[in-house]
Protein backbone atom coordinates (compact mmCIF):
# COMPACT_ATOMS: atom_id res chain seq x y z
CA MET A 1 -8.89 -33.42 -26.17
CA LYS A 2 -7.24 -29.98 -26.40
CA PRO A 3 -3.64 -29.77 -25.11
CA THR A 4 -3.05 -27.66 -22.00
CA PRO A 5 -0.79 -24.64 -22.60
CA ILE A 6 2.56 -24.87 -20.81
CA ARG A 7 1.87 -21.54 -19.06
CA GLU A 8 -1.19 -23.04 -17.34
CA ILE A 9 0.77 -26.11 -16.32
CA LEU A 10 3.56 -23.99 -14.84
CA GLU A 11 1.11 -21.71 -13.03
CA ASP A 12 -0.65 -24.74 -11.51
CA LEU A 13 2.70 -26.18 -10.45
CA ALA A 14 3.81 -22.88 -8.90
CA ARG A 15 0.53 -22.57 -7.02
CA SER A 16 0.67 -26.15 -5.72
CA MET A 17 4.31 -25.75 -4.62
CA GLY A 18 3.62 -22.43 -2.87
CA TRP A 19 5.80 -20.44 -5.29
CA LYS A 20 3.07 -18.34 -6.91
CA LYS A 21 3.18 -15.48 -4.41
CA ARG A 22 6.97 -15.15 -4.65
CA MET A 23 6.85 -15.33 -8.45
CA ASP A 24 4.18 -12.60 -8.54
CA GLU A 25 6.35 -10.44 -6.28
CA GLU A 26 9.29 -10.84 -8.64
CA ARG A 27 7.06 -10.04 -11.61
CA ALA A 28 6.07 -6.77 -9.87
CA ILE A 29 9.74 -5.79 -9.80
CA LEU A 30 10.32 -6.85 -13.40
CA CYS A 31 7.33 -4.96 -14.81
CA TRP A 32 7.99 -1.77 -12.78
CA PRO A 33 9.67 0.16 -15.65
CA GLU A 34 6.89 -0.75 -18.06
CA VAL A 35 4.13 0.26 -15.63
CA VAL A 36 5.64 3.57 -14.48
CA GLY A 37 7.17 4.61 -17.80
CA SER A 38 10.71 5.53 -18.78
CA LYS A 39 10.93 8.87 -16.96
CA VAL A 40 9.98 7.45 -13.56
CA GLY A 41 11.75 4.18 -14.34
CA THR A 42 15.11 5.88 -14.84
CA ASN A 43 14.80 7.74 -11.52
CA THR A 44 13.70 4.77 -9.43
CA LYS A 45 14.76 1.21 -8.71
CA PRO A 46 12.38 -1.41 -7.30
CA LEU A 47 14.22 -3.35 -4.61
CA LYS A 48 11.93 -6.03 -3.18
CA VAL A 49 8.37 -6.95 -2.25
CA ARG A 50 7.70 -8.21 1.26
CA ARG A 51 4.25 -8.83 2.75
CA GLY A 52 2.56 -6.75 0.07
CA LYS A 53 4.96 -3.80 0.39
CA LEU A 54 7.02 -2.85 -2.64
CA PHE A 55 10.21 -1.05 -1.65
CA VAL A 56 11.47 1.39 -4.28
CA GLU A 57 14.70 3.36 -4.20
CA VAL A 58 14.25 6.92 -5.48
CA ARG A 59 16.99 9.12 -6.94
CA SER A 60 16.00 12.41 -5.23
CA SER A 61 13.65 13.92 -2.68
CA ALA A 62 11.90 15.83 -5.48
CA TRP A 63 11.07 12.54 -7.21
CA MET A 64 10.00 11.01 -3.91
CA ASN A 65 7.53 13.85 -3.31
CA GLU A 66 6.12 13.46 -6.82
CA LEU A 67 5.73 9.69 -6.47
CA VAL A 68 3.85 9.94 -3.19
CA PHE A 69 1.01 11.57 -5.12
CA LEU A 70 1.11 8.85 -7.81
CA LYS A 71 1.33 5.92 -5.38
CA GLY A 72 -2.33 4.85 -5.60
CA ASP A 73 -2.34 4.89 -9.39
CA ILE A 74 0.93 2.96 -9.56
CA ILE A 75 -0.38 0.27 -7.19
CA SER A 76 -3.53 -0.09 -9.28
CA LYS A 77 -1.59 -0.33 -12.54
CA LEU A 78 0.88 -2.86 -11.13
CA ASN A 79 -1.85 -5.12 -9.76
CA GLN A 80 -3.85 -4.84 -12.97
CA ARG A 81 -0.76 -5.81 -14.97
CA LEU A 82 -0.08 -8.73 -12.61
CA GLU A 83 -3.76 -9.75 -12.55
CA SER A 84 -3.42 -10.13 -8.79
CA GLN A 85 -3.42 -7.96 -5.67
CA VAL A 86 0.30 -8.45 -5.06
CA VAL A 87 1.21 -4.87 -4.11
CA LYS A 88 -0.77 -3.30 -1.31
CA GLU A 89 1.66 -0.52 -0.43
CA ILE A 90 4.72 1.18 -1.90
CA VAL A 91 7.51 2.38 0.35
CA PHE A 92 9.81 4.92 -1.25
CA VAL A 93 13.35 5.11 0.13
CA ALA A 94 16.11 7.59 -0.66
CA GLU A 95 18.85 6.36 -2.94
CA ARG A 96 21.92 5.34 -0.99
CA PRO A 97 25.10 7.16 -1.96
CA ARG A 98 27.39 5.02 -4.07
CA GLU A 99 30.95 4.57 -2.92
CA ALA A 100 33.58 6.04 -5.20
CA PRO A 101 35.97 3.49 -6.71
CA SER A 102 39.34 3.33 -4.96
C-alpha cells in the first residue's frame, strides 16, 4: 500500500472541517505578487477576499485605471494558480493616506 502524501491528508482535513474555502482565500492573497508580477505587486496590496471578491489597495488612480483593464486576466491567472474558482471579482480601492509619525 502506497503512503498518502501529507498534503492530501491536510487538504482532506481542511475540506471536512470547512476550512478549505478560507485557506484558498488566504492563498489568493499570498500568491498575488507572483501572479501579477513585481511591477504591479509593488503598487498594490491585496487586503482580503470575501464572498469571491478580492479587495486590492492600489497606490494611485493611474494604476487603478490600468488594472481595471487587466482584471479579467488577473482573475483567470489567480484561479488557475489556485486550481479553484476562488476569485470571482476584484475590487480596487485607493490607497489610504498613511499618518505621519508624531
